[in-house]
């Protein structure tokens, strides 16, 4: 058994450089001193926070929002004190708050409607494409004219648009101050200037003229100025006209007509496709038609029988006796009444000079429905006397035109 030493632990020396743990003894007095120092440091931190707190700068818009908010609070408080009857009335902010200003309406401004419309009209563009306007020549250049048309900028007319064909004496023909009518062919550009044309206006007027002449079945004299493989060419009021060889009375030696004058009728007039076709043969037909009158009794030979009627030779022209104008009775076949080569009498009921057509009628010669089928010979023999009875009917038709 060994002998224990109770103080052995106290006698053990620490190994190496390790130092023994030390115990810090703090007195009550020292604790109070630390608390005081901590509270002082907290107060200093607060002072520093107050010192570095940023200052809020209020601009006019923020102030206005706050003022409106205060006004709204006052309005809400006033509503709490209102009775039910007050709440049922329409809201009037001016009564609740004298400082409240409502938005101004358009009627409160000095508004002049006539002045407004006048300003609009002053700025309205002048000269739409296709419009005819009048103006005065205000300047002449080597490549065109400037024309005052009443707009904010003058109209410009290129030299090639100043007339038909080649203009040799340009500056002599157009002088400053010359008044003229022109057609707008191009609307305003960025400078407010329109392009106008005297040539386009002349051509438009020419198409209007020939269209009216064709509708009325008029005949015109034209000077032949050229030919091609298909026929002859001519000039009609600045328009190029064409006469096919098939529409000539004699188309064999048609080149010999160049430089000569022919009487022709209008066969086709189309301004959109610029087609102007003329006919010498139709002119001869129209000349015969002009000698005819509505209600006139004619005699002719049946040239052909068609499903819709008969073609009758009138001596250089042919008339159509349509099945609806044949008889007032019922028929099964047109050949029950007339046959090819038969000579008949009929009344002229229609004359179309534009198309070169003549309409005939035999039903008006009947005293009773279907008489032409029952006794055709009697109707034909008494046709002259019966035609006189229908004259009043055609006279009235002519007056109603």
Protein backbone atom coordinates (compact mmCIF):
# COMPACT_ATOMS: atom_id res chain seq x y z
CA UNK A 1 0.00 0.00 0.00
CA UNK A 2 1.32 3.34 -0.74
CA UNK A 3 0.91 6.43 1.27
CA UNK A 4 -1.54 8.96 -0.23
CA UNK A 5 -0.64 12.54 -0.27
CA UNK A 6 -3.70 14.83 -0.18
CA UNK A 7 -1.72 17.78 -1.30
CA UNK A 8 -0.37 15.95 -4.29
CA UNK A 9 -2.64 17.82 -6.73
CA UNK A 10 -1.51 21.13 -5.41
CA UNK A 11 2.04 20.12 -5.90
CA UNK A 12 1.63 19.20 -9.60
CA UNK A 13 3.38 21.70 -11.78
CA UNK A 14 1.86 22.65 -15.15
CA UNK A 15 3.53 21.16 -18.18
CA UNK A 16 4.89 23.27 -20.91
CA UNK A 17 4.07 27.01 -21.07
CA UNK A 18 0.38 26.75 -20.18
CA UNK A 19 -0.63 29.20 -17.48
CA UNK A 20 -3.25 28.42 -14.88
CA UNK A 21 -6.78 29.89 -15.32
CA UNK A 22 -7.32 33.11 -13.48
CA UNK A 23 -10.62 34.09 -11.91
CA UNK A 24 -11.74 37.75 -12.32
CA UNK A 25 -13.30 39.19 -9.24
CA UNK A 26 -15.72 42.12 -9.92
CA UNK A 27 -17.01 44.10 -7.05
CA UNK A 28 -20.49 45.65 -6.86
CA UNK A 29 -19.00 49.06 -7.14
CA UNK A 30 -17.35 48.20 -10.43
CA UNK A 31 -20.69 46.84 -11.79
CA UNK A 32 -22.49 50.11 -11.14
CA UNK A 33 -19.72 51.98 -12.89
CA UNK A 34 -20.08 49.80 -16.04
CA UNK A 35 -23.88 50.36 -16.15
CA UNK A 36 -23.43 54.10 -15.98
CA UNK A 37 -20.88 54.03 -18.82
CA UNK A 38 -23.25 51.83 -20.98
CA UNK A 39 -26.21 54.18 -20.53
CA UNK A 40 -24.05 57.14 -21.44
CA UNK A 41 -22.93 55.44 -24.63
CA UNK A 42 -26.58 54.68 -25.64
CA UNK A 43 -27.50 58.35 -25.24
CA UNK A 44 -24.56 59.39 -27.39
CA UNK A 45 -25.67 56.93 -30.14
CA UNK A 46 -29.20 58.40 -30.09
CA UNK A 47 -27.82 61.91 -30.39
CA UNK A 48 -25.73 60.84 -33.34
CA UNK A 49 -28.83 59.27 -35.01
CA UNK A 50 -30.77 62.47 -34.55
CA UNK A 51 -27.90 64.48 -35.93
CA UNK A 52 -27.58 62.34 -39.11
CA UNK A 53 -31.33 61.91 -39.74
CA UNK A 54 -31.98 63.29 -43.36
CA UNK A 55 -34.16 66.30 -43.72
CA UNK A 56 -37.34 65.77 -45.86
CA UNK A 57 -37.69 68.48 -48.49
CA UNK A 58 -41.26 69.02 -49.67
CA UNK A 59 -41.78 70.38 -53.14
CA UNK A 60 -44.93 72.12 -54.43
CA UNK A 61 -46.58 68.91 -55.68
CA UNK A 62 -46.17 67.18 -52.30
CA UNK A 63 -47.57 70.23 -50.50
CA UNK A 64 -50.55 70.31 -52.88
CA UNK A 65 -51.28 66.62 -52.22
CA UNK A 66 -51.17 67.20 -48.47
CA UNK A 67 -53.49 70.21 -48.78
CA UNK A 68 -55.96 68.15 -50.80
CA UNK A 69 -55.74 65.41 -48.20
CA UNK A 70 -56.52 67.89 -45.42
CA UNK A 71 -59.50 69.21 -47.43
CA UNK A 72 -60.75 65.67 -47.91
CA UNK A 73 -60.45 65.03 -44.13
CA UNK A 74 -62.53 68.12 -43.47
CA UNK A 75 -65.10 66.94 -45.99
CA UNK A 76 -65.26 63.49 -44.38
CA UNK A 77 -65.79 65.06 -40.97
CA UNK A 78 -68.59 67.24 -42.35
CA UNK A 79 -70.28 64.17 -43.83
CA UNK A 80 -70.30 62.49 -40.44
CA UNK A 81 -72.31 65.43 -39.10
CA UNK A 82 -74.77 65.40 -42.07
CA UNK A 83 -78.32 64.10 -41.89
CA UNK A 84 -79.77 61.43 -44.18
CA UNK A 85 -81.55 64.13 -46.22
CA UNK A 86 -78.26 65.94 -46.79
CA UNK A 87 -76.63 62.74 -47.96
CA UNK A 88 -79.40 62.12 -50.52
CA UNK A 89 -78.77 65.47 -52.20
CA UNK A 90 -76.32 65.74 -55.14
CA UNK A 91 -72.82 66.50 -54.01
CA UNK A 92 -71.75 70.12 -54.24
CA UNK A 93 -68.13 70.47 -53.30
CA UNK A 94 -68.25 74.25 -53.38
CA UNK A 95 -70.78 74.28 -50.53
CA UNK A 96 -68.74 71.91 -48.36
CA UNK A 97 -65.46 73.64 -49.04
CA UNK A 98 -65.36 77.25 -50.33
CA UNK A 99 -61.73 76.76 -51.34
CA UNK A 100 -62.62 73.86 -53.65
CA UNK A 101 -62.25 74.71 -57.37
CA UNK A 102 -63.85 72.47 -60.01
CA UNK A 103 -62.33 72.00 -63.47
CA UNK A 104 -63.30 74.55 -66.08
CA UNK A 105 -65.49 73.43 -68.94
CA UNK A 106 -65.08 74.28 -72.63
CA UNK A 107 -68.13 76.57 -72.50
CA UNK A 108 -66.37 78.80 -69.99
CA UNK A 109 -63.64 79.64 -72.47
CA UNK A 110 -64.01 82.35 -75.07
CA UNK A 111 -64.84 79.96 -77.98
CA UNK A 112 -65.82 81.36 -81.39
CA UNK A 113 -67.21 78.58 -83.59
CA UNK A 114 -67.26 80.70 -86.77
CA UNK A 115 -63.62 81.66 -86.28
CA UNK A 116 -62.74 78.02 -85.71
CA UNK A 117 -64.47 76.90 -88.93
CA UNK A 118 -62.87 79.76 -90.83
CA UNK A 119 -59.45 78.62 -89.63
CA UNK A 120 -60.18 75.08 -90.76
CA UNK A 121 -61.29 76.25 -94.20
CA UNK A 122 -58.18 78.39 -94.53
CA UNK A 123 -55.98 75.34 -94.03
CA UNK A 124 -58.09 73.01 -96.18
CA UNK A 125 -56.09 71.77 -99.16
CA UNK A 126 -57.19 73.17 -102.53
CA UNK A 127 -57.33 70.92 -105.55
CA UNK A 128 -58.15 67.24 -105.31
CA UNK A 129 -57.10 64.95 -108.14
CA UNK A 130 -59.60 65.20 -111.00
CA UNK A 131 -60.94 68.59 -109.88
CA UNK A 132 -61.29 71.45 -112.35
CA UNK A 133 -60.11 74.82 -111.03
CA UNK A 134 -59.51 78.31 -112.44
CA UNK A 135 -56.34 80.32 -111.97
CA UNK A 136 -53.97 82.98 -113.25
CA UNK A 137 -50.48 82.56 -114.64
CA UNK A 138 -48.05 84.22 -112.20
CA UNK A 139 -44.68 82.91 -113.40
CA UNK A 140 -43.22 81.36 -116.53
CA UNK A 141 -40.22 79.06 -116.45
CA UNK A 142 -38.47 77.17 -119.25
CA UNK A 143 -39.99 73.86 -118.09
CA UNK A 144 -43.48 75.01 -117.11
CA UNK A 145 -45.87 77.54 -115.57
CA UNK A 146 -46.89 78.57 -112.05
CA UNK A 147 -50.60 79.31 -111.65
CA UNK A 148 -52.31 81.02 -108.73
CA UNK A 149 -55.24 78.76 -107.81
CA UNK A 150 -56.14 80.41 -104.49
CA UNK A 151 -54.21 78.04 -102.26
CA UNK A 152 -51.31 78.60 -99.89
CA UNK A 153 -49.00 77.63 -102.75
CA UNK A 154 -49.40 78.04 -106.54
CA UNK A 155 -50.12 75.17 -108.90
CA UNK A 156 -47.41 73.93 -111.22
CA UNK A 157 -48.09 72.98 -114.84
CA UNK A 158 -45.26 71.18 -116.70
CA UNK A 159 -44.64 72.30 -120.26
CA UNK A 160 -45.89 69.02 -121.75
CA UNK A 161 -49.22 69.54 -119.95
CA UNK A 162 -49.82 73.02 -121.34
CA UNK A 163 -51.71 71.81 -124.42
CA UNK A 164 -52.10 69.18 -127.12
CA UNK A 165 -49.15 68.38 -129.35
CA UNK A 166 -45.84 70.23 -129.36
CA UNK A 167 -45.98 73.89 -128.26
CA UNK A 168 -43.31 75.89 -130.09
CA UNK A 169 -44.18 79.47 -129.06
CA UNK A 170 -44.45 78.65 -125.34
CA UNK A 171 -43.75 82.07 -123.80
CA UNK A 172 -45.83 83.88 -126.43
CA UNK A 173 -48.89 81.70 -125.90
CA UNK A 174 -48.84 82.00 -122.10
CA UNK A 175 -48.41 85.47 -120.61
CA UNK A 176 -48.40 86.69 -117.00
CA UNK A 177 -51.98 87.30 -115.80
CA UNK A 178 -53.55 84.90 -118.32
CA UNK A 179 -56.67 83.29 -116.83
CA UNK A 180 -57.22 79.64 -117.62
CA UNK A 181 -59.01 76.50 -116.46
CA UNK A 182 -56.91 73.49 -115.54
CA UNK A 183 -57.35 69.98 -114.19
CA UNK A 184 -55.57 68.77 -111.05
CA UNK A 185 -53.59 65.65 -111.95
CA UNK A 186 -51.51 65.35 -108.76
CA UNK A 187 -52.42 66.40 -105.22
CA UNK A 188 -50.36 68.58 -102.90
CA UNK A 189 -46.75 67.75 -102.19
CA UNK A 190 -44.89 68.58 -98.95
CA UNK A 191 -44.79 72.27 -99.97
CA UNK A 192 -48.55 72.39 -100.57
CA UNK A 193 -48.16 72.63 -104.35
CA UNK A 194 -50.45 70.72 -106.74
CA UNK A 195 -49.68 69.68 -110.32
CA UNK A 196 -52.22 70.85 -112.90
CA UNK A 197 -52.78 70.23 -116.61
CA UNK A 198 -54.53 72.04 -119.44
CA UNK A 199 -53.95 69.07 -121.75
CA UNK A 200 -55.79 66.63 -119.45
CA UNK A 201 -58.74 69.02 -119.21
CA UNK A 202 -58.97 69.32 -123.02
CA UNK A 203 -58.94 65.52 -123.41
CA UNK A 204 -61.60 65.08 -120.73
CA UNK A 205 -63.84 67.61 -122.44
CA UNK A 206 -63.24 65.86 -125.78
CA UNK A 207 -64.31 62.48 -124.37
CA UNK A 208 -67.43 64.06 -122.89
CA UNK A 209 -68.25 65.63 -126.24
CA UNK A 210 -67.81 62.46 -128.34
CA UNK A 211 -69.76 60.40 -125.77
CA UNK A 212 -72.69 62.80 -126.08
CA UNK A 213 -72.45 62.77 -129.89
CA UNK A 214 -72.42 58.96 -129.98
CA UNK A 215 -75.46 58.78 -127.72
CA UNK A 216 -77.39 61.12 -129.99
CA UNK A 217 -76.34 59.19 -133.11
CA UNK A 218 -74.55 62.17 -134.62
CA UNK A 219 -72.34 61.90 -137.71
CA UNK A 220 -68.98 63.67 -137.97
CA UNK A 221 -66.46 64.41 -140.70
CA UNK A 222 -62.88 63.33 -140.01
CA UNK A 223 -59.59 63.86 -141.81
CA UNK A 224 -57.69 60.61 -142.35
CA UNK A 225 -54.09 61.14 -141.17
CA UNK A 226 -52.67 57.61 -141.31
CA UNK A 227 -53.22 53.89 -141.76
CA UNK A 228 -52.06 50.54 -140.45
CA UNK A 229 -52.73 46.92 -141.28
CA UNK A 230 -56.12 47.02 -139.55
CA UNK A 231 -57.54 50.24 -140.94
CA UNK A 232 -57.33 54.05 -140.91
CA UNK A 233 -56.49 56.56 -138.18
CA UNK A 234 -57.83 60.07 -137.69
CA UNK A 235 -58.02 62.89 -135.16
CA UNK A 236 -61.29 63.71 -133.34
CA UNK A 237 -61.00 66.79 -131.10
CA UNK A 238 -57.52 65.77 -130.01
CA UNK A 239 -58.43 62.10 -129.61
CA UNK A 240 -57.04 59.31 -131.77
CA UNK A 241 -59.84 57.64 -133.74
CA UNK A 242 -59.66 54.33 -135.59
CA UNK A 243 -61.74 53.11 -138.57
CA UNK A 244 -61.45 49.32 -139.18
CA UNK A 245 -61.20 48.19 -142.81
CA UNK A 246 -64.41 46.19 -142.34
CA UNK A 247 -66.28 49.42 -141.53
CA UNK A 248 -65.33 51.13 -144.79
CA UNK A 249 -67.68 51.18 -147.78
CA UNK A 250 -64.70 50.19 -149.91
CA UNK A 251 -61.85 48.65 -147.96
CA UNK A 252 -59.81 47.32 -150.86
CA UNK A 253 -57.54 50.30 -151.50
CA UNK A 254 -57.95 51.88 -148.07
CA UNK A 255 -54.47 53.49 -148.03
CA UNK A 256 -55.69 55.93 -150.68
CA UNK A 257 -58.03 57.56 -148.11
CA UNK A 258 -55.11 59.22 -146.30
CA UNK A 259 -55.52 63.00 -146.54
CA UNK A 260 -59.23 62.69 -147.43
CA UNK A 261 -62.33 63.46 -145.37
CA UNK A 262 -64.88 60.75 -144.50
CA UNK A 263 -68.30 60.94 -142.88
CA UNK A 264 -68.39 58.44 -140.03
CA UNK A 265 -70.53 57.39 -137.08
CA UNK A 266 -69.39 56.33 -133.60
CA UNK A 267 -69.11 52.56 -133.23
CA UNK A 268 -67.44 52.42 -129.79
CA UNK A 269 -66.57 55.17 -127.30
CA UNK A 270 -64.72 54.12 -124.14
CA UNK A 271 -62.85 56.87 -122.22
CA UNK A 272 -61.46 54.41 -119.65
CA UNK A 273 -59.67 52.25 -122.23
CA UNK A 274 -59.23 55.26 -124.56
CA UNK A 275 -60.94 53.41 -127.36
CA UNK A 276 -62.61 55.44 -130.11
CA UNK A 277 -63.81 53.28 -133.01
CA UNK A 278 -65.63 54.83 -136.00
CA UNK A 279 -67.57 53.43 -138.94
CA UNK A 280 -68.34 54.67 -142.45
CA UNK A 281 -70.92 51.92 -142.98
CA UNK A 282 -72.81 52.85 -139.85
CA UNK A 283 -72.80 56.48 -140.99
CA UNK A 284 -74.66 55.39 -144.14
CA UNK A 285 -77.15 53.44 -142.00
CA UNK A 286 -77.70 56.33 -139.60
CA UNK A 287 -78.28 58.64 -142.57
CA UNK A 288 -81.12 56.37 -143.63
CA UNK A 289 -82.45 56.11 -140.08
CA UNK A 290 -82.65 59.87 -139.70
CA UNK A 291 -85.10 59.93 -142.62
CA UNK A 292 -87.43 57.56 -140.74
CA UNK A 293 -90.06 58.48 -138.15
CA UNK A 294 -91.79 56.68 -135.32
CA UNK A 295 -95.18 55.30 -136.43
CA UNK A 296 -94.14 55.32 -140.08
CA UNK A 297 -95.45 52.37 -142.15
CA UNK A 298 -92.71 50.62 -144.11
CA UNK A 299 -92.64 47.71 -146.52
CA UNK A 300 -89.78 45.24 -146.73
CA UNK A 301 -88.64 41.71 -147.36
CA UNK A 302 -88.13 39.13 -144.62
CA UNK A 303 -84.38 38.51 -144.65
CA UNK A 304 -84.12 35.93 -141.87
CA UNK A 305 -86.25 34.12 -139.30
CA UNK A 306 -84.65 33.86 -135.83
CA UNK A 307 -86.01 32.22 -132.65
CA UNK A 308 -86.75 35.70 -131.27
CA UNK A 309 -88.21 37.34 -134.41
CA UNK A 310 -87.73 38.48 -138.04
CA UNK A 311 -85.12 40.70 -139.72
CA UNK A 312 -86.71 42.91 -142.39
CA UNK A 313 -84.79 44.60 -145.23
CA UNK A 314 -85.53 48.34 -145.34
CA UNK A 315 -83.36 49.20 -148.35
CA UNK A 316 -79.81 49.44 -147.00
CA UNK A 317 -80.85 48.97 -143.38
CA UNK A 318 -82.54 46.16 -141.50
CA UNK A 319 -85.25 46.30 -138.86
CA UNK A 320 -86.16 43.74 -136.19
CA UNK A 321 -89.74 42.53 -135.81
CA UNK A 322 -89.54 40.94 -132.37
CA UNK A 323 -91.93 38.10 -131.49
CA UNK A 324 -93.42 40.22 -128.67
CA UNK A 325 -94.47 42.86 -131.26
CA UNK A 326 -95.73 40.36 -133.87
CA UNK A 327 -99.30 39.70 -132.75
CA UNK A 328 -101.55 39.96 -129.69
CA UNK A 329 -102.59 36.33 -130.18
CA UNK A 330 -100.84 33.09 -129.27
CA UNK A 331 -98.62 31.30 -131.79
CA UNK A 332 -96.72 28.01 -131.72
CA UNK A 333 -94.11 28.93 -134.34
CA UNK A 334 -92.98 32.18 -135.97
CA UNK A 335 -93.17 30.53 -139.39
CA UNK A 336 -96.94 30.28 -138.99
CA UNK A 337 -97.06 34.04 -139.65
CA UNK A 338 -94.21 34.97 -142.04
CA UNK A 339 -91.53 33.16 -144.03
CA UNK A 340 -88.18 34.20 -145.52
CA UNK A 341 -88.49 36.21 -148.77
CA UNK A 342 -92.06 37.31 -148.01
CA UNK A 343 -92.94 41.01 -148.42
CA UNK A 344 -94.66 42.49 -145.38
CA UNK A 345 -95.79 45.84 -143.97
CA UNK A 346 -94.98 47.00 -140.42
CA UNK A 347 -94.88 50.09 -138.23
CA UNK A 348 -91.60 51.62 -137.00
CA UNK A 349 -91.87 51.47 -133.22
CA UNK A 350 -88.27 52.29 -132.22
CA UNK A 351 -85.28 54.12 -133.69
CA UNK A 352 -81.93 53.80 -131.88
CA UNK A 353 -79.38 56.00 -133.68
CA UNK A 354 -76.58 55.17 -131.22
CA UNK A 355 -76.81 51.42 -131.87
CA UNK A 356 -78.15 51.76 -135.41
CA UNK A 357 -81.26 49.68 -134.72
CA UNK A 358 -84.85 49.87 -135.91
CA UNK A 359 -87.72 48.19 -134.07
CA UNK A 360 -90.84 47.11 -136.01
CA UNK A 361 -94.40 46.25 -134.92
CA UNK A 362 -97.35 44.46 -136.65
CA UNK A 363 -99.47 43.80 -133.55
CA UNK A 364 -100.65 47.44 -133.59
CA UNK A 365 -102.17 46.83 -137.03
CA UNK A 366 -104.61 44.23 -135.65
CA UNK A 367 -108.22 45.16 -134.87
CA UNK A 368 -108.52 42.10 -132.63
CA UNK A 369 -106.08 39.78 -130.88
CA UNK A 370 -104.63 37.15 -133.24
CA UNK A 371 -106.15 38.70 -136.39
CA UNK A 372 -102.76 38.51 -138.15
CA UNK A 373 -102.78 34.73 -137.72
CA UNK A 374 -106.42 34.30 -138.83
CA UNK A 375 -106.53 36.75 -141.77
CA UNK A 376 -103.02 38.02 -142.54
CA UNK A 377 -103.95 39.20 -146.05
CA UNK A 378 -106.69 41.54 -144.78
CA UNK A 379 -104.36 43.12 -142.20
CA UNK A 380 -101.70 43.77 -144.84
CA UNK A 381 -104.23 45.27 -147.31
CA UNK A 382 -105.69 47.66 -144.72
CA UNK A 383 -102.30 48.46 -143.15
CA UNK A 384 -102.19 52.06 -144.50
CA UNK A 385 -105.60 53.02 -143.04
CA UNK A 386 -104.89 51.24 -139.75
CA UNK A 387 -101.47 52.98 -139.41
CA UNK A 388 -103.24 56.37 -139.32
CA UNK A 389 -105.16 55.29 -136.20
CA UNK A 390 -101.91 54.60 -134.36
CA UNK A 391 -100.30 57.95 -135.22
CA UNK A 392 -101.62 59.64 -132.07
CA UNK A 393 -100.05 56.88 -129.97
CA UNK A 394 -96.56 57.49 -131.44
CA UNK A 395 -96.93 61.28 -131.28
CA UNK A 396 -97.52 60.97 -127.54
CA UNK A 397 -94.52 58.65 -127.21
CA UNK A 398 -92.34 61.22 -128.97
CA UNK A 399 -93.53 64.01 -126.68
CA UNK A 400 -92.78 61.96 -123.57
CA UNK A 401 -89.10 61.68 -124.51
